Structures are given as C-alpha cells and as structure tokens.
Amino acid sequence: MNKPVNIAEEDLTEPLTYPVEAFLSRDYAQAEKDRLWPKVWQVVERVEDFKEVGDFVTYNIADDSIIVIKTGEASFNAFQNVCPHRGRQLIDTPDDAHSVRGNRRNFVCGFHGWTFDTEGNNIYVLDPQDWKGALTPDRTCLSRVKVDTWSGWLWINMDSGCEPLVDFLGRAGELLSHFEMDRMRYKWRKWVVYPSNWKTALEAFMEPYHVAGTHTQLLAHAEYYAYSAAYDLHGVSGFDQKGLEAKMSEGSTVTRAGKGDDPRVSTYELIRENYETLNHAASTQTLVEAASRLKDELPEGASAPEVIAHWLKSAKADDAARGVAWPEIPPAVVAEAGLAWHIFPNMSVLQGITFALCYRTRPFGDDPNMCIFESYAIERYPEGAEPATEWECAEPTAENWGAILAQDFSNMRWVQKGMKSRGFRGPLPNPHQERKITNFHRNLAKFMGTGEPRLLK
C-alpha cells in the first residue's frame, strides 16, 4: 500500500474510476485502523448530551474505544478507554450498544482497582512499592486523546500532533458555522448494524443523482439534477440546472420551489412530501405549515422567487412568535453552502436554516461487509421545549426510519454484494453530480496509500 496519489482536485471534473478494495478487502479494513481512524477528527456526540460535570460517553471506532468526559462548564477531556496496567477497558462497551453513558468523578478498573481522575492521572495503585519505583506518572496515567467542539458537536482525534479542528474543517466549517447548529437539539436519533461497508452506506447519502432511480415518487414534485464540488477534504452538493456549471443559487438548497405552473402549490407539495417521507426531517413543521398557506396569501401568477421570499419571511415570523430565532445567514453563504456536505471521513450533513439531517457510518468489528449506520435530525426549539431523545436501535424499515431512508436501505446491501461480482468492471461516478464521492476516494487514498481514482481516458 505505497502507491503515490496523483489525482488533483481539478481532475475530478473528468470521468474517473477507482478500485473496490476499500469496500471489500479485509486487509484494507485492517489497515484503516492504523492509517485512517487514528489520524482524523471524528464526531463523538452532541454537546447537549453532557449536562453535568462528570457526564461521560464512550465512542468506539474499529478497535479503539474513547471516553469523553465533561470537566467544566465548557471543558472536556478524552482518553483511551483502557487501563495501563493489564489493558482492561475501564468502561465496558458491548458490541450491541451504541455507546455507554454515565457520570463519574473517577474511573476505577474492575480488574485490580487502579483508579484515575478526570484529568487521566492515576490516583490509586494497589501495592505500588512492588514495582521498585518504575511506576512513573507517565506510565500509569490514561492515554490522552485530542478533543474539541464545533457547531454543537464534540470531536476527537487520536493523533497528538494533529492539525486543529478548525483547520481540518476549513471552508466547509466556515460556511456551516453560519447555520448555528450548536443551537439545534436532537429531534430523533437512530442506529442499526447494517450489512454493508461503512463507505458503501455513507456514499448512498452523498449525492442526489440516485433520486430518479431510488426515490421515484419525488419526481412528481421537483427536478433533482445536481452539482457536486470538492472542498479540500470535504465536499458539497446542491440542486442545479442542466447545462449550467454548478449554478449556485438559493434554489440549490432543500428550501426551493417545486416544479409546476403554480409555485405556490408546488413549493408546498415538495416540502410536505420531503418532510413526511424523511421521518419528519430535512425541514420543520413551521416551514411546512407556512408553505401550506402560500396559495391563500399570494396572488395567482406569483413568481418562484416571490413565493420563496414570502414563504421564508412568513415561516421566520411564525418561528419568532413561538420563541425560535433564525440565524442571519448572508445570501452568498446560503448559495455556496448548497444542499448537503460530506465531512471527511464518515459524516454527512444536510443543513437548513433551523434544522439539519445527519448521517454517520463506522466499521462494525473486523468484517468489511458490516457497518454501524446512524441517522439523526436536529432542530431549533423554543428554550426548554426540545424533546427527550435517546439512541434507538431500529430495524431498517419504513415504519422505523421513514419511506425515503427505507428506500436507501434497499440499495446499500445490494451494492455491497454487487461489487463482488466478477462482472463488475469498477465504478463509473458521474463527474458533475458525484464529485463528492471521487473527492472522498482521492482523499482516502492519501491516508491509505492505495485506491486513488484514475482517469478513464
């Protein structure tokens, strides 16, 4: 795994392909444990899950388990979940648990009672004199992990020499910060162990190109032609117009007019269909109700821009009346931020003014054909009105996840199986609409040393 990576960002506009070992190879999955996961920033949890000092949560990625604990009003520590004495986990993390939460003032190893404070210092060893002075503080403390917060998420990085989180996020972080997602709270959150590689599952949510083939019922309400663009490690997609190169306009976001002669009607039909079939996510009840009044509040013949402007103004006023303030986002930022982002390596965010729909995937054990798939909705609520939520393990059905996500589930496992066919000659990603995916593999290859995309010419 030592091939050079030669594909540049400008090459992504050309027809490309890439090998499938990243999805299928057990050796590749093993290599990720050393070359990828310890080297990147990863989301652990939402900050609001840490309410009191001493609240902790575990995060498992491949063979590593991390403990993150709240140590002050806005301070956190993170450590490897392992006792330095004999390697026992300090917090048991069963494979069938999404994570483990609790509140601790210290961590006691269940094997021999070694004890650690919330700074990771060893504060008790049974019979320390037996080591004849060899138990120095750096040998008996917990292994520290980098931790930071951004936009309401808590992030970790196992590489002590890593770049700051703000630099890792780059322009993607600058744009998304305008949406003030730190002021959003969980609406629902679900997870499942799913039969596909983590990349197979994630890529199902990295482009709208699949809508015409997978979510056919949506075609009655809108066109789904899309652009896709690279932002260093990360990537963005948005709705586009055929024949125009990456048109950046408010129509590229989820808040847009539908197709039809009367945008007052089509806008409502589109937003209602999306909201109801996406498990009441990717919009809000306020936006849906404001759209339902468009036909009554605007004259026949109102243009699509007039309809969108009135709709958003009306919804903003409705939210203000119930105690929900909207962020003031410059139009240029809304345009550039597009519809949805891939945050390298394993996170996807579809953002709106007062909501976001998010996905995360992780390996499950050592099997490259299995993953942990997570999806959750966050939204702005009046102070104290956010719902109480927990991570729910849910079978991948329409009843549990909504019709849209169930349709996505109906593809992912069969893509995983299909890539193993000797008749499959390799992926042929759309150079305009699936550039987020080729950019993902371009950057993945930099970490892994293999699997870089190559030109089809």
Protein backbone atom coordinates (compact mmCIF):
# COMPACT_ATOMS: atom_id res chain seq x y z
CA MET A 1 0.00 0.00 0.00
CA ASN A 2 2.57 2.59 -1.06
CA LYS A 3 1.36 3.92 -4.41
CA PRO A 4 1.61 7.68 -4.93
CA VAL A 5 -1.63 9.67 -5.17
CA ASN A 6 -1.60 11.80 -8.31
CA ILE A 7 -5.21 12.85 -8.79
CA ALA A 8 -5.59 16.60 -8.22
CA GLU A 9 -8.82 18.38 -7.34
CA GLU A 10 -9.13 19.77 -10.87
CA ASP A 11 -9.03 16.21 -12.25
CA LEU A 12 -12.34 15.46 -10.53
CA THR A 13 -14.22 17.17 -13.36
CA GLU A 14 -13.12 14.35 -15.68
CA PRO A 15 -14.56 10.82 -15.95
CA LEU A 16 -12.87 8.70 -13.28
CA THR A 17 -12.97 5.27 -11.73
CA TYR A 18 -11.44 3.75 -8.59
CA PRO A 19 -10.84 0.22 -7.26
CA VAL A 20 -13.28 -1.52 -4.92
CA GLU A 21 -10.82 -2.96 -2.38
CA ALA A 22 -11.77 -0.13 0.00
CA PHE A 23 -15.24 -1.67 0.25
CA LEU A 24 -14.44 -5.39 0.16
CA SER A 25 -10.93 -6.12 1.40
CA ARG A 26 -10.45 -7.35 4.95
CA ASP A 27 -6.78 -6.29 4.71
CA TYR A 28 -7.88 -2.78 3.74
CA ALA A 29 -10.26 -2.65 6.71
CA GLN A 30 -7.41 -3.71 8.98
CA ALA A 31 -5.17 -1.02 7.50
CA GLU A 32 -7.80 1.64 8.22
CA LYS A 33 -7.22 1.00 11.91
CA ASP A 34 -3.68 2.38 11.59
CA ARG A 35 -3.81 4.74 8.62
CA LEU A 36 -7.21 6.42 8.81
CA TRP A 37 -9.12 6.35 12.08
CA PRO A 38 -6.24 7.44 14.38
CA LYS A 39 -5.39 10.33 12.03
CA VAL A 40 -8.68 12.21 11.55
CA TRP A 41 -11.13 14.30 13.54
CA GLN A 42 -14.36 12.41 14.26
CA VAL A 43 -17.68 13.37 15.84
CA VAL A 44 -18.41 11.61 19.13
CA GLU A 45 -21.72 13.11 20.28
CA ARG A 46 -23.73 16.30 20.57
CA VAL A 47 -22.56 18.61 23.35
CA GLU A 48 -26.03 18.85 24.89
CA ASP A 49 -25.77 15.21 25.95
CA PHE A 50 -23.21 16.37 28.55
CA LYS A 51 -25.35 18.20 31.08
CA GLU A 52 -23.37 17.87 34.33
CA VAL A 53 -19.69 17.87 35.20
CA GLY A 54 -18.67 14.21 35.24
CA ASP A 55 -21.03 13.18 32.43
CA PHE A 56 -19.19 10.86 30.06
CA VAL A 57 -19.85 8.92 26.88
CA THR A 58 -17.88 6.22 25.09
CA TYR A 59 -17.15 6.24 21.38
CA ASN A 60 -15.95 3.11 19.60
CA ILE A 61 -14.15 3.19 16.27
CA ALA A 62 -12.61 -0.05 14.97
CA ASP A 63 -10.54 -1.47 17.88
CA ASP A 64 -10.34 1.81 19.78
CA SER A 65 -12.72 2.92 22.49
CA ILE A 66 -12.60 6.53 23.68
CA ILE A 67 -14.05 8.05 26.85
CA VAL A 68 -15.07 11.71 26.68
CA ILE A 69 -15.94 13.40 29.98
CA LYS A 70 -17.21 16.87 30.85
CA THR A 71 -14.79 18.52 33.28
CA GLY A 72 -16.20 22.04 33.50
CA GLU A 73 -18.86 24.36 32.13
CA ALA A 74 -17.37 24.19 28.61
CA SER A 75 -14.38 21.89 29.06
CA PHE A 76 -13.91 18.24 28.18
CA ASN A 77 -11.22 15.59 28.39
CA ALA A 78 -10.88 12.48 26.26
CA PHE A 79 -8.91 9.31 26.96
CA GLN A 80 -8.41 5.86 25.52
CA ASN A 81 -10.81 3.53 27.34
CA VAL A 82 -8.09 1.22 28.65
CA CYS A 83 -6.28 0.70 31.93
CA PRO A 84 -2.50 0.96 31.51
CA HIS A 85 -1.96 -1.95 33.93
CA ARG A 86 -3.28 -5.01 32.08
CA GLY A 87 -5.41 -3.48 29.30
CA ARG A 88 -8.91 -3.92 30.70
CA GLN A 89 -11.50 -1.45 29.44
CA LEU A 90 -12.42 0.99 32.18
CA ILE A 91 -15.97 1.26 30.83
CA ASP A 92 -17.40 -1.95 29.36
CA THR A 93 -18.55 -1.29 25.79
CA PRO A 94 -20.63 -4.22 24.45
CA ASP A 95 -20.78 -4.68 20.68
CA ASP A 96 -24.57 -4.38 20.74
CA ALA A 97 -24.53 -0.96 22.45
CA HIS A 98 -24.37 2.28 20.51
CA SER A 99 -22.38 3.89 23.33
CA VAL A 100 -22.23 3.93 27.12
CA ARG A 101 -23.09 7.00 29.15
CA GLY A 102 -22.92 7.86 32.83
CA ASN A 103 -21.46 10.23 35.38
CA ARG A 104 -18.14 9.66 37.14
CA ARG A 105 -15.76 11.58 39.38
CA ASN A 106 -13.11 8.99 38.68
CA PHE A 107 -12.61 5.76 36.75
CA VAL A 108 -11.86 2.52 38.59
CA CYS A 109 -10.52 -0.51 36.74
CA GLY A 110 -12.71 -3.51 37.52
CA PHE A 111 -9.73 -5.90 37.39
CA HIS A 112 -7.30 -4.62 40.03
CA GLY A 113 -8.84 -1.38 41.20
CA TRP A 114 -6.37 1.06 39.68
CA THR A 115 -8.11 4.46 39.79
CA PHE A 116 -7.88 7.56 37.59
CA ASP A 117 -9.23 11.08 37.99
CA THR A 118 -10.95 13.09 35.27
CA GLU A 119 -7.61 14.53 34.19
CA GLY A 120 -6.40 10.99 33.47
CA ASN A 121 -3.99 10.91 36.41
CA ASN A 122 -3.53 7.66 38.30
CA ILE A 123 -4.64 8.28 41.90
CA TYR A 124 -4.52 4.72 43.26
CA VAL A 125 -2.37 1.63 42.66
CA LEU A 126 -2.54 -1.40 44.89
CA ASP A 127 0.90 -2.14 46.39
CA PRO A 128 2.90 0.35 44.29
CA GLN A 129 6.10 -0.46 46.18
CA ASP A 130 6.29 -3.81 44.36
CA TRP A 131 7.35 -2.01 41.14
CA LYS A 132 10.52 -0.66 42.82
CA GLY A 133 9.86 2.91 41.65
CA ALA A 134 9.21 2.07 37.99
CA LEU A 135 5.60 3.29 38.06
CA THR A 136 6.17 6.85 36.91
CA PRO A 137 3.16 9.13 36.30
CA ASP A 138 3.59 8.90 32.52
CA ARG A 139 3.41 5.09 32.73
CA THR A 140 0.33 4.93 34.92
CA CYS A 141 -1.81 7.75 33.53
CA LEU A 142 -4.51 7.29 30.90
CA SER A 143 -3.65 7.84 27.24
CA ARG A 144 -4.99 11.27 26.34
CA VAL A 145 -6.92 11.98 23.13
CA LYS A 146 -7.40 15.39 21.49
CA VAL A 147 -10.90 16.80 21.99
CA ASP A 148 -12.65 19.93 20.69
CA THR A 149 -16.13 21.25 19.95
CA TRP A 150 -17.65 22.82 16.85
CA SER A 151 -21.27 23.66 15.97
CA GLY A 152 -22.69 21.69 18.87
CA TRP A 153 -20.69 18.52 18.18
CA LEU A 154 -17.91 17.08 20.29
CA TRP A 155 -14.95 15.81 18.23
CA ILE A 156 -11.90 13.67 18.99
CA ASN A 157 -8.60 12.96 17.27
CA MET A 158 -6.21 10.24 18.45
CA ASP A 159 -3.20 11.88 16.78
CA SER A 160 -1.43 14.09 19.34
CA GLY A 161 0.21 16.06 16.52
CA CYS A 162 -2.98 16.62 14.50
CA GLU A 163 -3.98 19.93 12.97
CA PRO A 164 -6.57 22.00 14.88
CA LEU A 165 -10.20 21.06 14.23
CA VAL A 166 -10.93 24.45 12.66
CA ASP A 167 -8.17 23.86 10.11
CA PHE A 168 -9.37 20.32 9.43
CA LEU A 169 -12.87 21.61 8.65
CA GLY A 170 -11.58 24.50 6.52
CA ARG A 171 -14.02 26.34 4.29
CA ALA A 172 -16.71 23.73 4.98
CA GLY A 173 -16.59 24.67 8.66
CA GLU A 174 -16.65 28.39 7.88
CA LEU A 175 -19.79 28.04 5.77
CA LEU A 176 -21.67 25.68 8.06
CA SER A 177 -20.88 27.76 11.15
CA HIS A 178 -23.35 30.37 9.84
CA PHE A 179 -26.20 27.91 10.42
CA GLU A 180 -25.51 27.92 14.19
CA MET A 181 -26.16 24.21 14.58
CA ASP A 182 -24.92 24.48 18.17
CA ARG A 183 -28.36 25.99 18.90
CA MET A 184 -30.15 22.94 17.49
CA ARG A 185 -31.15 19.92 19.54
CA TYR A 186 -31.95 16.30 18.77
CA LYS A 187 -35.37 15.63 17.28
CA TRP A 188 -34.74 11.89 16.88
CA ARG A 189 -31.71 9.62 16.60
CA LYS A 190 -31.49 6.05 15.33
CA TRP A 191 -28.81 3.47 14.58
CA VAL A 192 -28.54 -0.03 13.18
CA VAL A 193 -25.89 -2.62 12.40
CA TYR A 194 -26.20 -2.88 8.63
CA PRO A 195 -24.79 -5.38 6.08
CA SER A 196 -22.52 -3.14 4.02
CA ASN A 197 -19.16 -1.46 4.29
CA TRP A 198 -19.22 1.89 6.08
CA LYS A 199 -18.24 3.65 2.85
CA THR A 200 -20.96 1.93 0.82
CA ALA A 201 -23.55 3.14 3.31
CA LEU A 202 -22.17 6.67 3.53
CA GLU A 203 -21.96 7.15 -0.23
CA ALA A 204 -25.69 6.44 -0.54
CA PHE A 205 -26.21 9.86 1.05
CA MET A 206 -23.55 11.84 -0.75
CA GLU A 207 -25.41 12.76 -3.95
CA PRO A 208 -28.96 13.40 -5.27
CA TYR A 209 -28.14 11.62 -8.56
CA HIS A 210 -29.85 8.47 -7.20
CA VAL A 211 -33.22 10.17 -6.63
CA ALA A 212 -34.51 9.42 -10.15
CA GLY A 213 -33.82 5.71 -9.70
CA THR A 214 -34.49 5.21 -5.99
CA HIS A 215 -36.98 7.84 -4.81
CA THR A 216 -39.16 7.94 -7.91
CA GLN A 217 -42.17 9.34 -6.04
CA LEU A 218 -40.25 12.60 -5.53
CA LEU A 219 -40.01 13.25 -9.27
CA ALA A 220 -43.63 14.37 -9.31
CA HIS A 221 -42.67 17.42 -7.27
CA ALA A 222 -39.25 18.61 -8.47
CA GLU A 223 -36.24 18.11 -10.68
CA TYR A 224 -33.23 16.54 -8.97
CA TYR A 225 -30.33 17.34 -11.28
CA ALA A 226 -27.41 18.27 -9.04
CA TYR A 227 -23.89 19.64 -8.89
CA SER A 228 -21.15 18.31 -6.65
CA ALA A 229 -17.97 20.13 -5.63
CA ALA A 230 -14.79 19.39 -3.69
CA TYR A 231 -13.69 21.49 -0.72
CA ASP A 232 -10.29 20.04 0.11
CA LEU A 233 -11.04 17.01 2.33
CA HIS A 234 -14.78 17.63 2.23
CA GLY A 235 -17.43 18.10 -0.43
CA VAL A 236 -20.79 19.70 -1.11
CA SER A 237 -23.73 19.00 -3.41
CA GLY A 238 -26.74 21.06 -4.40
CA PHE A 239 -29.51 21.21 -6.92
CA ASP A 240 -28.55 22.50 -10.34
CA GLN A 241 -29.88 23.17 -13.81
CA LYS A 242 -28.76 21.03 -16.70
CA GLY A 243 -26.32 22.76 -18.97
CA LEU A 244 -25.19 25.17 -16.27
CA GLU A 245 -21.92 24.53 -14.43
CA ALA A 246 -22.56 24.28 -10.68
CA LYS A 247 -25.18 27.02 -10.51
CA MET A 248 -25.01 28.48 -7.02
CA SER A 249 -28.36 29.92 -6.02
CA GLU A 250 -30.89 29.55 -3.24
CA GLY A 251 -32.59 27.01 -5.48
CA SER A 252 -29.66 24.70 -4.84
CA THR A 253 -30.78 24.11 -1.24
CA VAL A 254 -33.57 21.99 0.21
CA THR A 255 -35.64 25.19 0.51
CA ARG A 256 -36.71 25.63 -3.09
CA ALA A 257 -39.75 25.79 -5.35
CA GLY A 258 -41.13 22.60 -6.85
CA LYS A 259 -41.98 22.06 -10.49
CA GLY A 260 -45.33 23.01 -11.96
CA ASP A 261 -47.15 26.05 -13.28
CA ASP A 262 -48.04 27.40 -9.85
CA PRO A 263 -45.04 27.68 -7.47
CA ARG A 264 -47.43 28.46 -4.61
CA VAL A 265 -48.74 24.92 -4.88
CA SER A 266 -45.60 23.09 -5.98
CA THR A 267 -43.50 24.58 -3.19
CA TYR A 268 -45.91 23.22 -0.60
CA GLU A 269 -46.22 19.84 -2.27
CA LEU A 270 -42.46 19.44 -2.46
CA ILE A 271 -41.69 20.42 1.12
CA ARG A 272 -44.57 18.36 2.52
CA GLU A 273 -43.53 15.25 0.59
CA ASN A 274 -39.91 15.57 1.70
CA TYR A 275 -40.83 16.22 5.32
CA GLU A 276 -43.32 13.40 5.67
CA THR A 277 -41.29 10.74 3.88
CA LEU A 278 -37.97 11.69 5.52
CA ASN A 279 -39.25 10.84 9.00
CA HIS A 280 -40.22 14.48 9.62
CA ALA A 281 -36.71 15.74 8.94
CA ALA A 282 -34.93 17.90 6.34
CA SER A 283 -37.47 20.63 7.11
CA THR A 284 -39.68 21.72 10.02
CA GLN A 285 -43.37 21.76 10.81
CA THR A 286 -43.19 25.56 10.76
CA LEU A 287 -41.89 25.58 7.18
CA VAL A 288 -44.50 23.06 6.04
CA GLU A 289 -47.37 24.98 7.60
CA ALA A 290 -46.15 28.29 6.16
CA ALA A 291 -45.94 26.67 2.72
CA SER A 292 -49.49 25.36 3.08
CA ARG A 293 -50.73 28.98 3.24
CA LEU A 294 -48.94 30.21 0.13
CA LYS A 295 -51.93 29.76 -2.16
CA ASP A 296 -54.08 31.84 0.17
CA GLU A 297 -51.52 34.54 0.89
CA LEU A 298 -50.13 35.17 -2.60
CA PRO A 299 -51.90 36.06 -5.84
CA GLU A 300 -52.02 33.72 -8.80
CA GLY A 301 -49.06 34.35 -11.06
CA ALA A 302 -46.57 34.99 -8.28
CA SER A 303 -43.09 34.05 -9.46
CA ALA A 304 -40.98 31.35 -7.83
CA PRO A 305 -38.56 33.89 -6.24
CA GLU A 306 -41.54 35.84 -4.86
CA VAL A 307 -43.05 32.64 -3.46
CA ILE A 308 -39.79 31.57 -1.78
CA ALA A 309 -39.21 35.04 -0.29
CA HIS A 310 -42.75 35.22 1.12
CA TRP A 311 -42.60 31.65 2.41
CA LEU A 312 -39.35 32.16 4.32
CA LYS A 313 -40.45 35.53 5.71
CA SER A 314 -43.73 34.02 6.90
CA ALA A 315 -42.06 30.96 8.45
CA LYS A 316 -39.46 33.15 10.17
CA ALA A 317 -42.23 35.23 11.75
CA ASP A 318 -44.09 32.09 12.83
CA ASP A 319 -40.96 30.72 14.48
CA ALA A 320 -40.22 34.05 16.20
CA ALA A 321 -43.72 34.01 17.67
CA ARG A 322 -43.04 30.65 19.31
CA GLY A 323 -39.58 31.62 20.55
CA VAL A 324 -37.35 30.29 17.78
CA ALA A 325 -34.88 32.80 16.31
CA TRP A 326 -33.39 32.29 12.86
CA PRO A 327 -29.70 32.89 12.22
CA GLU A 328 -28.89 35.76 9.86
CA ILE A 329 -27.09 33.99 7.03
CA PRO A 330 -25.73 36.08 4.13
CA PRO A 331 -27.30 35.05 0.79
CA ALA A 332 -23.84 34.33 -0.64
CA VAL A 333 -23.22 31.84 2.17
CA VAL A 334 -26.59 30.15 1.62
CA ALA A 335 -25.74 29.80 -2.06
CA GLU A 336 -22.24 28.43 -1.52
CA ALA A 337 -23.34 26.11 1.31
CA GLY A 338 -25.66 24.28 -1.08
CA LEU A 339 -27.74 21.29 -0.03
CA ALA A 340 -25.57 18.79 1.84
CA TRP A 341 -21.97 18.20 2.91
CA HIS A 342 -19.65 15.27 3.25
CA ILE A 343 -17.34 15.90 6.19
CA PHE A 344 -14.34 13.61 5.82
CA PRO A 345 -14.22 10.79 6.54
CA ASN A 346 -17.58 9.47 7.73
CA MET A 347 -20.17 12.21 8.27
CA SER A 348 -22.89 13.71 6.07
CA VAL A 349 -24.91 16.84 6.90
CA LEU A 350 -27.96 18.14 5.03
CA GLN A 351 -28.40 21.60 6.55
CA GLY A 352 -31.23 24.11 6.67
CA ILE A 353 -31.80 27.43 8.39
CA THR A 354 -33.30 25.85 11.53
CA PHE A 355 -32.66 22.12 11.02
CA ALA A 356 -30.21 19.50 9.84
CA LEU A 357 -30.41 15.83 8.87
CA CYS A 358 -27.17 13.99 9.61
CA TYR A 359 -25.63 10.59 8.91
CA ARG A 360 -22.57 8.81 10.25
CA THR A 361 -21.15 5.38 9.47
CA ARG A 362 -18.47 3.32 11.21
CA PRO A 363 -16.93 -0.13 10.85
CA PHE A 364 -18.54 -2.93 12.84
CA GLY A 365 -15.97 -5.39 14.06
CA ASP A 366 -13.46 -6.71 11.53
CA ASP A 367 -15.98 -7.53 8.81
CA PRO A 368 -15.69 -5.15 5.82
CA ASN A 369 -19.24 -6.16 4.86
CA MET A 370 -20.81 -4.72 8.04
CA CYS A 371 -21.13 -1.24 9.49
CA ILE A 372 -22.82 0.83 12.15
CA PHE A 373 -25.20 3.22 10.39
CA GLU A 374 -26.58 6.24 12.24
CA SER A 375 -29.00 8.98 11.27
CA TYR A 376 -30.46 11.79 13.34
CA ALA A 377 -32.37 15.01 12.97
CA ILE A 378 -31.57 18.21 14.87
CA GLU A 379 -33.72 21.32 15.01
CA ARG A 380 -34.11 24.66 16.77
CA TYR A 381 -36.68 24.63 19.56
CA PRO A 382 -38.03 27.19 21.99
CA GLU A 383 -36.00 27.21 25.20
CA GLY A 384 -36.80 24.09 27.19
CA ALA A 385 -39.13 22.64 24.53
CA GLU A 386 -36.71 20.18 22.89
CA PRO A 387 -37.86 16.54 23.07
CA ALA A 388 -36.10 13.99 25.25
CA THR A 389 -34.32 11.53 22.98
CA GLU A 390 -32.04 8.51 23.25
CA TRP A 391 -30.21 6.47 20.63
CA GLU A 392 -32.73 3.93 19.33
CA CYS A 393 -31.57 0.74 17.63
CA ALA A 394 -34.13 0.29 14.86
CA GLU A 395 -34.52 -2.24 12.07
CA PRO A 396 -34.15 -0.56 8.64
CA THR A 397 -37.84 -0.34 7.75
CA ALA A 398 -40.08 2.48 6.55
CA GLU A 399 -42.02 2.25 9.79
CA ASN A 400 -38.89 2.99 11.80
CA TRP A 401 -36.97 5.34 9.54
CA GLY A 402 -39.47 6.76 7.02
CA ALA A 403 -40.04 5.85 3.37
CA ILE A 404 -37.03 7.70 1.92
CA LEU A 405 -34.46 6.13 4.23
CA ALA A 406 -36.05 2.71 3.76
CA GLN A 407 -35.59 3.12 0.00
CA ASP A 408 -31.93 3.95 0.59
CA PHE A 409 -31.54 0.89 2.78
CA SER A 410 -32.99 -1.18 -0.06
CA ASN A 411 -29.91 -0.32 -2.17
CA MET A 412 -26.91 -0.33 0.14
CA ARG A 413 -26.62 -4.03 0.97
CA TRP A 414 -27.09 -5.00 -2.68
CA VAL A 415 -24.42 -2.54 -3.82
CA GLN A 416 -22.10 -4.24 -1.34
CA LYS A 417 -22.91 -7.66 -2.81
CA GLY A 418 -22.84 -6.46 -6.41
CA MET A 419 -19.34 -5.01 -6.17
CA LYS A 420 -18.05 -8.53 -5.51
CA SER A 421 -19.25 -9.75 -8.91
CA ARG A 422 -16.55 -10.68 -11.41
CA GLY A 423 -18.78 -8.94 -13.95
CA PHE A 424 -18.38 -5.56 -12.24
CA ARG A 425 -15.68 -3.58 -14.04
CA GLY A 426 -15.45 -0.78 -11.47
CA PRO A 427 -17.42 2.34 -10.51
CA LEU A 428 -18.30 4.98 -13.11
CA PRO A 429 -19.18 8.01 -10.94
CA ASN A 430 -20.88 11.00 -12.57
CA PRO A 431 -18.17 13.69 -12.96
CA HIS A 432 -20.62 16.54 -12.30
CA GLN A 433 -23.11 15.09 -9.84
CA GLU A 434 -20.98 12.62 -7.86
CA ARG A 435 -17.78 14.60 -7.44
CA LYS A 436 -18.10 14.40 -3.65
CA ILE A 437 -17.54 10.66 -3.96
CA THR A 438 -14.47 10.85 -6.19
CA ASN A 439 -13.08 13.55 -3.92
CA PHE A 440 -13.69 11.24 -0.96
CA HIS A 441 -11.67 8.47 -2.61
CA ARG A 442 -8.98 10.94 -3.67
CA ASN A 443 -8.50 11.97 -0.05
CA LEU A 444 -8.97 8.48 1.35
CA ALA A 445 -6.10 7.31 -0.86
CA LYS A 446 -3.83 9.95 0.66
CA PHE A 447 -4.29 8.35 4.07
CA MET A 448 -4.35 4.74 2.91
CA GLY A 449 -1.63 4.85 0.23
CA THR A 450 -3.81 2.97 -2.26
CA GLY A 451 -7.17 3.19 -4.04
CA GLU A 452 -6.69 6.53 -5.77
CA PRO A 453 -9.12 7.37 -8.60
CA ARG A 454 -7.75 7.25 -12.12
CA LEU A 455 -8.84 8.89 -15.35
CA LEU A 456 -10.96 6.80 -17.70
CA LYS A 457 -9.24 8.28 -20.75
